[in-house]
C-alpha atoms as a PDB file:
ATOM      1  CA  MET A   1      12.989  -4.378  11.225  1.00  0.00           C
ATOM      2  CA  PHE A   2      14.581  -3.974   7.779  1.00  0.00           C
ATOM      3  CA  ILE A   3      11.825  -1.666   6.642  1.00  0.00           C
ATOM      4  CA  THR A   4      12.710   0.703   9.453  1.00  0.00           C
ATOM      5  CA  ALA A   5      16.429   0.590   8.572  1.00  0.00           C
ATOM      6  CA  VAL A   6      15.674   1.340   5.002  1.00  0.00           C
ATOM      7  CA  PHE A   7      13.609   4.244   5.683  1.00  0.00           C
ATOM      8  CA  PHE A   8      15.855   5.781   8.240  1.00  0.00           C
ATOM      9  CA  ALA A   9      18.721   5.643   5.743  1.00  0.00           C
ATOM     10  CA  MET A  10      16.306   7.254   3.171  1.00  0.00           C
ATOM     11  CA  ALA A  11      14.732   9.753   5.577  1.00  0.00           C
ATOM     12  CA  SER A  12      17.338  12.438   5.249  1.00  0.00           C
ATOM     13  CA  ILE A  13      17.737  11.661   1.584  1.00  0.00           C
ATOM     14  CA  SER A  14      14.253  11.042   0.060  1.00  0.00           C
ATOM     15  CA  PHE A  15      11.559  12.404   2.351  1.00  0.00           C
ATOM     16  CA  ALA A  16      13.312  15.643   3.186  1.00  0.00           C
ATOM     17  CA  ALA A  17      13.357  16.385  -0.575  1.00  0.00           C
ATOM     18  CA  GLN A  18       9.678  15.970  -0.890  1.00  0.00           C
ATOM     19  CA  THR A  19       7.698  19.016  -1.755  1.00  0.00           C
ATOM     20  CA  ALA A  20       4.601  20.110   0.061  1.00  0.00           C
ATOM     21  CA  ALA A  21       2.650  19.224  -2.970  1.00  0.00           C
ATOM     22  CA  ASP A  22       3.954  15.644  -2.884  1.00  0.00           C
ATOM     23  CA  GLN A  23       3.074  15.331   0.762  1.00  0.00           C
ATOM     24  CA  THR A  24      -0.364  16.596   0.064  1.00  0.00           C
ATOM     25  CA  THR A  25      -0.850  14.157  -2.718  1.00  0.00           C
ATOM     26  CA  THR A  26       0.451  11.301  -0.571  1.00  0.00           C
ATOM     27  CA  GLN A  27      -2.019  12.181   2.158  1.00  0.00           C
ATOM     28  CA  GLU A  28      -4.829  12.468  -0.292  1.00  0.00           C
ATOM     29  CA  VAL A  29      -4.168   9.141  -1.760  1.00  0.00           C
ATOM     30  CA  LYS A  30      -3.806   7.573   1.718  1.00  0.00           C
ATOM     31  CA  GLU A  31      -7.220   9.101   2.706  1.00  0.00           C
ATOM     32  CA  LYS A  32      -8.905   8.029  -0.425  1.00  0.00           C
ATOM     33  CA  VAL A  33      -7.619   4.454  -0.142  1.00  0.00           C
ATOM     34  CA  ALA A  34      -8.698   4.317   3.510  1.00  0.00           C
ATOM     35  CA  ALA A  35     -12.270   5.620   2.712  1.00  0.00           C
ATOM     36  CA  ALA A  36     -12.611   3.112  -0.093  1.00  0.00           C
ATOM     37  CA  ALA A  37     -11.542   0.193   2.186  1.00  0.00           C
ATOM     38  CA  GLU A  38     -13.993   1.327   4.928  1.00  0.00           C
ATOM     39  CA  ALA A  39     -16.831   1.477   2.388  1.00  0.00           C
ATOM     40  CA  ILE A  40     -16.048  -2.197   1.316  1.00  0.00           C
ATOM     41  CA  LYS A  41     -16.836  -3.337   4.914  1.00  0.00           C
ATOM     42  CA  ASN A  42     -20.471  -2.541   4.360  1.00  0.00           C
ATOM     43  CA  TYR A  43     -21.174  -4.002   1.009  1.00  0.00           C
ATOM     44  CA  SER A  44     -23.301  -7.153   0.733  1.00  0.00           C
ATOM     45  CA  VAL A  45     -22.834  -9.710  -1.931  1.00  0.00           C
ATOM     46  CA  ASP A  46     -25.678  -8.045  -3.825  1.00  0.00           C
ATOM     47  CA  GLN A  47     -23.431  -4.774  -3.940  1.00  0.00           C
ATOM     48  CA  ARG A  48     -20.508  -6.848  -5.505  1.00  0.00           C
ATOM     49  CA  ALA A  49     -20.006  -4.272  -8.326  1.00  0.00           C
ATOM     50  CA  GLU A  50     -19.735  -1.377  -6.036  1.00  0.00           C
ATOM     51  CA  ALA A  51     -17.386  -3.438  -3.711  1.00  0.00           C
ATOM     52  CA  LEU A  52     -15.180  -4.391  -6.717  1.00  0.00           C
ATOM     53  CA  GLN A  53     -15.046  -0.675  -7.753  1.00  0.00           C
ATOM     54  CA  LYS A  54     -13.910   0.364  -4.351  1.00  0.00           C
ATOM     55  CA  ALA A  55     -11.421  -2.491  -4.065  1.00  0.00           C
ATOM     56  CA  LYS A  56      -9.886  -1.426  -7.424  1.00  0.00           C
ATOM     57  CA  ALA A  57      -9.557   2.094  -6.083  1.00  0.00           C
ATOM     58  CA  VAL A  58      -7.740   0.639  -3.012  1.00  0.00           C
ATOM     59  CA  LEU A  59      -5.299  -1.361  -5.099  1.00  0.00           C
ATOM     60  CA  ASP A  60      -4.805   1.586  -7.455  1.00  0.00           C
ATOM     61  CA  GLY A  61      -3.954   3.790  -4.465  1.00  0.00           C
ATOM     62  CA  LEU A  62      -1.565   1.255  -3.041  1.00  0.00           C
ATOM     63  CA  ASP A  63       0.040   1.051  -6.437  1.00  0.00           C
ATOM     64  CA  ALA A  64       0.558   4.792  -6.447  1.00  0.00           C
ATOM     65  CA  ARG A  65       2.209   4.775  -3.005  1.00  0.00           C
ATOM     66  CA  ILE A  66       4.515   1.946  -3.983  1.00  0.00           C
ATOM     67  CA  ALA A  67       5.388   3.715  -7.272  1.00  0.00           C
ATOM     68  CA  ARG A  68       6.211   6.928  -5.394  1.00  0.00           C
ATOM     69  CA  LEU A  69       8.453   5.080  -2.974  1.00  0.00           C
ATOM     70  CA  GLN A  70      10.198   3.410  -5.974  1.00  0.00           C
ATOM     71  CA  PHE A  71      10.718   6.755  -7.583  1.00  0.00           C
ATOM     72  CA  GLN A  72      12.301   8.207  -4.346  1.00  0.00           C
ATOM     73  CA  LEU A  73      14.499   5.319  -4.150  1.00  0.00           C
ATOM     74  CA  ASN A  74      15.667   5.656  -7.673  1.00  0.00           C
ATOM     75  CA  GLU A  75      16.275   9.430  -7.167  1.00  0.00           C
ATOM     76  CA  LYS A  76      18.711   8.737  -4.352  1.00  0.00           C
ATOM     77  CA  TRP A  77      20.183   5.371  -5.316  1.00  0.00           C
ATOM     78  CA  ASP A  78      23.613   6.741  -5.962  1.00  0.00           C
ATOM     79  CA  GLN A  79      23.652   8.470  -2.496  1.00  0.00           C
ATOM     80  CA  MET A  80      22.897   5.160  -0.651  1.00  0.00           C
ATOM     81  CA  ASP A  81      25.506   2.728   0.537  1.00  0.00           C
ATOM     82  CA  LYS A  82      25.341  -1.014  -0.421  1.00  0.00           C
ATOM     83  CA  PHE A  83      23.493  -1.943   2.848  1.00  0.00           C
ATOM     84  CA  ALA A  84      20.891   0.673   2.440  1.00  0.00           C
ATOM     85  CA  ARG A  85      20.223  -0.250  -1.182  1.00  0.00           C
ATOM     86  CA  GLN A  86      19.796  -3.905  -0.240  1.00  0.00           C
ATOM     87  CA  GLU A  87      17.439  -3.051   2.625  1.00  0.00           C
ATOM     88  CA  ALA A  88      15.412  -0.703   0.279  1.00  0.00           C
ATOM     89  CA  MET A  89      15.128  -3.470  -2.314  1.00  0.00           C
ATOM     90  CA  ASP A  90      14.037  -5.871   0.337  1.00  0.00           C
ATOM     91  CA  ALA A  91      11.393  -3.411   1.625  1.00  0.00           C
ATOM     92  CA  LEU A  92      10.024  -2.908  -1.877  1.00  0.00           C
ATOM     93  CA  THR A  93       9.841  -6.716  -2.378  1.00  0.00           C
ATOM     94  CA  THR A  94       7.923  -7.080   0.855  1.00  0.00           C
ATOM     95  CA  LEU A  95       5.539  -4.188  -0.132  1.00  0.00           C
ATOM     96  CA  ARG A  96       4.972  -5.756  -3.615  1.00  0.00           C
ATOM     97  CA  LYS A  97       4.226  -9.198  -2.060  1.00  0.00           C
ATOM     98  CA  GLN A  98       1.746  -7.690   0.253  1.00  0.00           C
ATOM     99  CA  ARG A  99       0.210  -5.826  -2.525  1.00  0.00           C
ATOM    100  CA  ASN A 100      -0.029  -9.048  -4.643  1.00  0.00           C
ATOM    101  CA  ASP A 101      -1.768 -10.801  -1.619  1.00  0.00           C
ATOM    102  CA  ALA A 102      -4.343  -7.905  -1.774  1.00  0.00           C
ATOM    103  CA  ALA A 103      -4.758  -8.516  -5.393  1.00  0.00           C
ATOM    104  CA  GLU A 104      -5.456 -12.184  -5.031  1.00  0.00           C
ATOM    105  CA  TRP A 105      -8.221 -11.456  -2.414  1.00  0.00           C
ATOM    106  CA  TYR A 106      -9.522  -8.811  -4.972  1.00  0.00           C
ATOM    107  CA  GLY A 107      -9.737 -11.771  -7.482  1.00  0.00           C
ATOM    108  CA  GLY A 108     -11.639 -13.660  -4.884  1.00  0.00           C
ATOM    109  CA  LEU A 109     -14.143 -10.833  -4.419  1.00  0.00           C
ATOM    110  CA  LYS A 110     -14.793 -11.098  -8.186  1.00  0.00           C
ATOM    111  CA  HIS A 111     -15.514 -14.854  -8.193  1.00  0.00           C
ATOM    112  CA  SER A 112     -16.649 -15.826  -4.665  1.00  0.00           C
ATOM    113  CA  SER A 113     -19.973 -17.432  -4.003  1.00  0.00           C
ATOM    114  CA  SER A 114     -22.486 -15.644  -1.964  1.00  0.00           C
ATOM    115  CA  LYS A 115     -21.683 -18.101   0.956  1.00  0.00           C
ATOM    116  CA  ALA A 116     -18.007 -17.096   0.837  1.00  0.00           C
ATOM    117  CA  TRP A 117     -18.531 -13.421   0.291  1.00  0.00           C
ATOM    118  CA  GLU A 118     -18.126 -12.270   3.930  1.00  0.00           C
ATOM    119  CA  ASP A 119     -14.887 -14.396   4.358  1.00  0.00           C
ATOM    120  CA  VAL A 120     -13.402 -13.253   1.154  1.00  0.00           C
ATOM    121  CA  LYS A 121     -14.322  -9.585   1.876  1.00  0.00           C
ATOM    122  CA  LYS A 122     -12.597  -9.932   5.305  1.00  0.00           C
ATOM    123  CA  GLY A 123      -9.662 -11.399   3.656  1.00  0.00           C
ATOM    124  CA  PHE A 124      -9.254  -8.537   1.245  1.00  0.00           C
ATOM    125  CA  LEU A 125      -9.717  -6.017   3.943  1.00  0.00           C
ATOM    126  CA  LYS A 126      -7.109  -7.870   6.233  1.00  0.00           C
ATOM    127  CA  SER A 127      -4.535  -8.001   3.361  1.00  0.00           C
ATOM    128  CA  TYR A 128      -5.102  -4.304   2.820  1.00  0.00           C
ATOM    129  CA  GLN A 129      -4.653  -3.551   6.435  1.00  0.00           C
ATOM    130  CA  VAL A 130      -1.268  -5.357   6.572  1.00  0.00           C
ATOM    131  CA  LEU A 131      -0.055  -3.278   3.603  1.00  0.00           C
ATOM    132  CA  ARG A 132      -1.258  -0.122   4.965  1.00  0.00           C
ATOM    133  CA  ASP A 133       0.121  -0.752   8.329  1.00  0.00           C
ATOM    134  CA  THR A 134       3.586  -1.301   6.664  1.00  0.00           C
ATOM    135  CA  PHE A 135       3.223   2.133   4.925  1.00  0.00           C
ATOM    136  CA  ASP A 136       2.052   3.801   8.128  1.00  0.00           C
ATOM    137  CA  LYS A 137       5.001   2.359  10.107  1.00  0.00           C
ATOM    138  CA  VAL A 138       7.366   3.897   7.555  1.00  0.00           C
ATOM    139  CA  GLN A 139       5.738   7.295   7.850  1.00  0.00           C
ATOM    140  CA  ARG A 140       5.806   7.200  11.673  1.00  0.00           C
ATOM    141  CA  GLU A 141       9.521   6.657  11.594  1.00  0.00           C
ATOM    142  CA  PHE A 142       9.956  10.177  10.176  1.00  0.00           C
END
């Protein structure tokens, strides 16, 4: 609920100011991250190195999306009221927490036993999906 309020408040401020190039870049990052996550599903424990490379790309893509959101917030901070600022900070905190959860699963991918591989892989993909859904919800609001 708070994420929706933040981004409604920021919609007319931040996203309207985005250039077509920024929107293309955002879409490209989103597509690359989704493709990398999809590829991870099919990796066996014997393909751990490839899975780790894809998982790192997923995390890097998520970091880029969070950084872009932070930049947009910083650009329009002075135009936001106190409530919108607090909601924006809460939303960023939530996104960062979700990103950290995904990073913990990434660590599990690095060190899991072959018996735990499928469970850890599923955990990573689920944590990625939660974070991706949060970003997607924000985009649908506009």
